[in-house]
Structures are given as structure tokens and as C-alpha cells.
């Protein structure tokens, strides 16, 4: 799933580049992803990057094993990086 998510993200970045496939533009597009939803992530979890924050995923949901299967529980936990 990690490779699938990475491939989807790369496709998004390359499409955002259009015909300008220079290193500078690829880096610019990769550092300006907003609200990208990937098929391999839980619904509601989005990928966001900026020029000062390259950590793409800041949301998670807890999971526990219940008998024979895994169950999600609780609300999403969000971690925001402060610029301070």
C-alpha cells in the first residue's frame, strides 16, 4: 500500500507540473500539495505539503484487534507542526 500511495502521489505531482518537468517545478509542485486523497488511506485522511513542511500525513485513527478482526475506534488524531 505504501508503494501504491507513493505512486499516486507522484502521478499527482507530475500532472501538476504539466509540460514543465524541470527539477525546480517538480520540487515546487511536490511542496505544494493540498488536500490530496489517496485510495490507500482512510477516508478523510489527506496529504498536504508546503515549502516549510514536507511531512505529508498528519492524521491517524486508532485501531484495535477485537476477536477475529481489526476495528477502528475514536476520532482522527491530528498532528500539526508549528512554525515556532
N, C-alpha and C. Protein backbone atom coordinates (compact mmCIF):
# COMPACT_ATOMS: atom_id res chain seq x y z
N UNK A 1 0.82 -1.19 0.00
CA UNK A 1 0.00 0.00 0.00
C UNK A 1 0.87 1.26 0.00
N UNK A 2 2.00 1.19 0.67
CA UNK A 2 2.88 2.37 0.70
C UNK A 2 3.33 2.72 -0.72
N UNK A 3 3.76 1.72 -1.48
CA UNK A 3 4.22 1.97 -2.85
C UNK A 3 3.07 2.50 -3.71
N UNK A 4 1.87 1.98 -3.52
CA UNK A 4 0.71 2.43 -4.28
C UNK A 4 0.41 3.90 -3.96
N UNK A 5 0.45 4.24 -2.67
CA UNK A 5 0.23 5.63 -2.27
C UNK A 5 1.31 6.55 -2.83
N UNK A 6 2.56 6.11 -2.79
CA UNK A 6 3.65 6.91 -3.35
C UNK A 6 3.48 7.11 -4.85
N UNK A 7 3.06 6.05 -5.55
CA UNK A 7 2.85 6.15 -6.99
C UNK A 7 1.72 7.14 -7.30
N UNK A 8 0.62 7.07 -6.54
CA UNK A 8 -0.48 8.01 -6.75
C UNK A 8 -0.03 9.45 -6.49
N UNK A 9 0.78 9.64 -5.47
CA UNK A 9 1.28 10.98 -5.16
C UNK A 9 2.18 11.48 -6.28
N UNK A 10 3.04 10.63 -6.80
CA UNK A 10 3.93 11.01 -7.90
C UNK A 10 3.13 11.37 -9.15
N UNK A 11 2.09 10.62 -9.44
CA UNK A 11 1.22 10.94 -10.57
C UNK A 11 0.61 12.32 -10.39
N UNK A 12 0.14 12.61 -9.18
CA UNK A 12 -0.45 13.92 -8.89
C UNK A 12 0.58 15.04 -9.13
N UNK A 13 1.78 14.84 -8.64
CA UNK A 13 2.83 15.85 -8.79
C UNK A 13 3.17 16.06 -10.26
N UNK A 14 3.35 14.97 -11.01
CA UNK A 14 3.71 15.10 -12.42
C UNK A 14 2.59 15.74 -13.24
N UNK A 15 1.33 15.43 -12.91
CA UNK A 15 0.22 16.08 -13.61
C UNK A 15 0.18 17.57 -13.29
N UNK A 16 0.48 17.93 -12.05
CA UNK A 16 0.51 19.34 -11.66
C UNK A 16 1.63 20.09 -12.39
N UNK A 17 2.69 19.38 -12.76
CA UNK A 17 3.81 20.01 -13.46
C UNK A 17 3.47 20.38 -14.90
N UNK A 18 2.53 19.68 -15.48
CA UNK A 18 2.21 19.94 -16.89
C UNK A 18 3.40 19.61 -17.76
N UNK A 19 3.73 20.50 -18.67
CA UNK A 19 4.85 20.27 -19.59
C UNK A 19 6.20 20.74 -19.03
N UNK A 20 6.18 21.38 -17.88
CA UNK A 20 7.42 21.89 -17.27
C UNK A 20 7.97 20.86 -16.28
N UNK A 21 8.75 19.91 -16.79
CA UNK A 21 9.28 18.83 -15.95
C UNK A 21 10.69 19.12 -15.46
N UNK A 22 10.97 20.37 -15.14
CA UNK A 22 12.27 20.72 -14.57
C UNK A 22 12.29 20.30 -13.10
N UNK A 23 13.49 20.12 -12.57
CA UNK A 23 13.63 19.76 -11.16
C UNK A 23 12.96 20.80 -10.28
N UNK A 24 13.16 22.07 -10.60
CA UNK A 24 12.59 23.15 -9.79
C UNK A 24 11.08 23.08 -9.74
N UNK A 25 10.44 22.82 -10.88
CA UNK A 25 8.98 22.76 -10.89
C UNK A 25 8.47 21.50 -10.20
N UNK A 26 9.14 20.39 -10.38
CA UNK A 26 8.73 19.16 -9.69
C UNK A 26 8.79 19.36 -8.17
N UNK A 27 9.88 19.96 -7.70
CA UNK A 27 10.02 20.23 -6.26
C UNK A 27 8.95 21.22 -5.79
N UNK A 28 8.66 22.23 -6.60
CA UNK A 28 7.64 23.22 -6.24
C UNK A 28 6.27 22.55 -6.11
N UNK A 29 5.93 21.70 -7.07
CA UNK A 29 4.63 21.02 -7.03
C UNK A 29 4.57 20.02 -5.86
N UNK A 30 5.67 19.32 -5.61
CA UNK A 30 5.70 18.36 -4.50
C UNK A 30 5.58 19.05 -3.15
N UNK A 31 6.01 20.31 -3.09
CA UNK A 31 5.96 21.06 -1.84
C UNK A 31 4.72 21.94 -1.74
N UNK A 32 3.73 21.67 -2.58
CA UNK A 32 2.50 22.47 -2.51
C UNK A 32 1.26 21.62 -2.73
N UNK A 33 1.27 20.42 -2.17
CA UNK A 33 0.13 19.52 -2.28
C UNK A 33 -0.90 19.92 -1.21
N UNK A 34 -2.14 20.06 -1.62
CA UNK A 34 -3.20 20.45 -0.69
C UNK A 34 -4.40 19.51 -0.81
N UNK A 35 -4.73 18.82 0.27
CA UNK A 35 -5.94 18.02 0.33
C UNK A 35 -6.00 16.83 -0.60
N UNK A 36 -4.88 16.24 -0.94
CA UNK A 36 -4.85 15.08 -1.84
C UNK A 36 -5.35 13.84 -1.10
N UNK A 37 -6.38 13.21 -1.62
CA UNK A 37 -6.91 11.98 -1.03
C UNK A 37 -6.41 10.80 -1.85
N UNK A 38 -5.80 9.85 -1.19
CA UNK A 38 -5.25 8.67 -1.85
C UNK A 38 -6.12 7.46 -1.55
N UNK A 39 -6.19 6.55 -2.52
CA UNK A 39 -7.04 5.36 -2.37
C UNK A 39 -6.59 4.45 -1.22
N UNK A 40 -5.30 4.48 -0.89
CA UNK A 40 -4.78 3.60 0.14
C UNK A 40 -4.84 4.16 1.55
N UNK A 41 -5.42 5.33 1.71
CA UNK A 41 -5.57 5.94 3.04
C UNK A 41 -7.03 5.90 3.47
N UNK A 42 -7.26 6.00 4.76
CA UNK A 42 -8.63 6.03 5.25
C UNK A 42 -9.35 7.26 4.70
N UNK A 43 -10.66 7.14 4.46
CA UNK A 43 -11.42 8.32 4.03
C UNK A 43 -11.27 9.45 5.05
N UNK A 44 -10.99 10.63 4.57
CA UNK A 44 -10.81 11.78 5.46
C UNK A 44 -9.36 12.12 5.73
N UNK A 45 -8.45 11.18 5.49
CA UNK A 45 -7.03 11.45 5.67
C UNK A 45 -6.51 12.03 4.35
N UNK A 46 -5.87 13.18 4.43
CA UNK A 46 -5.38 13.85 3.22
C UNK A 46 -3.88 14.10 3.30
N UNK A 47 -3.30 14.29 2.13
CA UNK A 47 -1.88 14.59 2.01
C UNK A 47 -1.74 16.09 1.78
N UNK A 48 -0.90 16.73 2.59
CA UNK A 48 -0.65 18.17 2.47
C UNK A 48 0.83 18.43 2.69
N UNK A 49 1.42 19.25 1.82
CA UNK A 49 2.81 19.66 1.99
C UNK A 49 2.91 21.16 1.77
N UNK A 50 4.01 21.72 2.23
CA UNK A 50 4.29 23.13 1.98
C UNK A 50 5.80 23.30 1.86
N UNK A 51 6.23 24.49 1.52
CA UNK A 51 7.66 24.76 1.36
C UNK A 51 8.42 24.60 2.66
N UNK A 52 7.72 24.69 3.81
CA UNK A 52 8.39 24.57 5.10
C UNK A 52 8.02 23.29 5.85
N UNK A 53 7.13 22.49 5.29
CA UNK A 53 6.67 21.27 5.97
C UNK A 53 6.48 20.16 4.95
N UNK A 54 7.42 19.22 4.93
CA UNK A 54 7.38 18.13 3.96
C UNK A 54 6.73 16.86 4.51
N UNK A 55 6.23 16.88 5.74
CA UNK A 55 5.55 15.71 6.31
C UNK A 55 4.15 15.66 5.72
N UNK A 56 3.87 14.68 4.84
CA UNK A 56 2.62 14.72 4.09
C UNK A 56 1.36 14.29 4.84
N UNK A 57 1.49 13.44 5.85
CA UNK A 57 0.30 12.91 6.53
C UNK A 57 0.37 13.28 8.00
N UNK A 58 -0.68 13.93 8.48
CA UNK A 58 -0.71 14.38 9.87
C UNK A 58 -1.95 13.89 10.60
N UNK A 59 -2.61 12.89 10.06
CA UNK A 59 -3.82 12.36 10.67
C UNK A 59 -3.68 10.85 10.83
N UNK A 60 -4.30 10.34 11.88
CA UNK A 60 -4.34 8.90 12.07
C UNK A 60 -5.59 8.55 12.85
N UNK A 61 -5.95 7.30 12.78
CA UNK A 61 -7.06 6.82 13.59
C UNK A 61 -6.60 5.54 14.27
N UNK A 62 -6.92 5.43 15.54
CA UNK A 62 -6.50 4.26 16.32
C UNK A 62 -7.27 3.02 15.87
N UNK A 63 -6.62 1.87 16.06
CA UNK A 63 -7.21 0.60 15.66
C UNK A 63 -6.89 -0.43 16.74
N UNK A 64 -7.79 -1.35 16.95
CA UNK A 64 -7.54 -2.41 17.94
C UNK A 64 -8.04 -3.75 17.39
N UNK A 65 -7.43 -4.81 17.88
CA UNK A 65 -7.84 -6.15 17.47
C UNK A 65 -8.98 -6.58 18.37
N UNK A 66 -10.09 -6.97 17.76
CA UNK A 66 -11.28 -7.35 18.52
C UNK A 66 -11.71 -8.75 18.08
N UNK A 67 -11.21 -9.75 18.79
CA UNK A 67 -11.58 -11.13 18.47
C UNK A 67 -10.91 -11.65 17.22
N UNK A 68 -11.57 -11.47 16.08
CA UNK A 68 -11.06 -12.00 14.82
C UNK A 68 -10.66 -10.94 13.81
N UNK A 69 -10.87 -9.67 14.12
CA UNK A 69 -10.58 -8.63 13.14
C UNK A 69 -10.15 -7.33 13.81
N UNK A 70 -9.64 -6.42 13.00
CA UNK A 70 -9.23 -5.11 13.46
C UNK A 70 -10.40 -4.15 13.35
N UNK A 71 -10.54 -3.26 14.35
CA UNK A 71 -11.61 -2.27 14.34
C UNK A 71 -11.03 -0.89 14.58
N UNK A 72 -11.50 0.07 13.79
CA UNK A 72 -11.14 1.47 14.02
C UNK A 72 -11.96 1.98 15.20
N UNK A 73 -11.39 2.86 16.01
CA UNK A 73 -12.17 3.45 17.09
C UNK A 73 -11.71 4.87 17.35
N UNK A 74 -12.61 5.65 17.89
CA UNK A 74 -12.29 7.04 18.20
C UNK A 74 -12.26 7.92 16.97
N UNK A 75 -12.03 9.20 17.20
CA UNK A 75 -11.93 10.17 16.13
C UNK A 75 -10.51 10.20 15.59
N UNK A 76 -10.34 10.87 14.46
CA UNK A 76 -9.00 11.07 13.92
C UNK A 76 -8.17 11.87 14.90
N UNK A 77 -6.91 11.54 15.01
CA UNK A 77 -5.94 12.30 15.78
C UNK A 77 -5.13 13.08 14.77
N UNK A 78 -5.02 14.39 14.98
CA UNK A 78 -4.30 15.24 14.05
C UNK A 78 -3.09 15.85 14.72
N UNK A 79 -1.99 15.84 14.02
CA UNK A 79 -0.75 16.45 14.49
C UNK A 79 -0.37 17.56 13.53
N UNK A 80 -0.37 18.77 14.01
CA UNK A 80 0.04 19.91 13.18
C UNK A 80 1.40 20.39 13.65
N UNK A 81 2.28 20.66 12.72
CA UNK A 81 3.62 21.15 13.04
C UNK A 81 3.55 22.66 13.18
N UNK A 82 4.11 23.15 14.26
CA UNK A 82 4.12 24.59 14.49
C UNK A 82 5.35 25.22 13.87
N UNK A 83 5.24 26.43 13.36
CA UNK A 83 6.37 27.14 12.77
C UNK A 83 7.20 27.85 13.83
N UNK A 84 6.90 27.68 15.09
CA UNK A 84 7.62 28.38 16.16
C UNK A 84 8.87 27.68 16.56
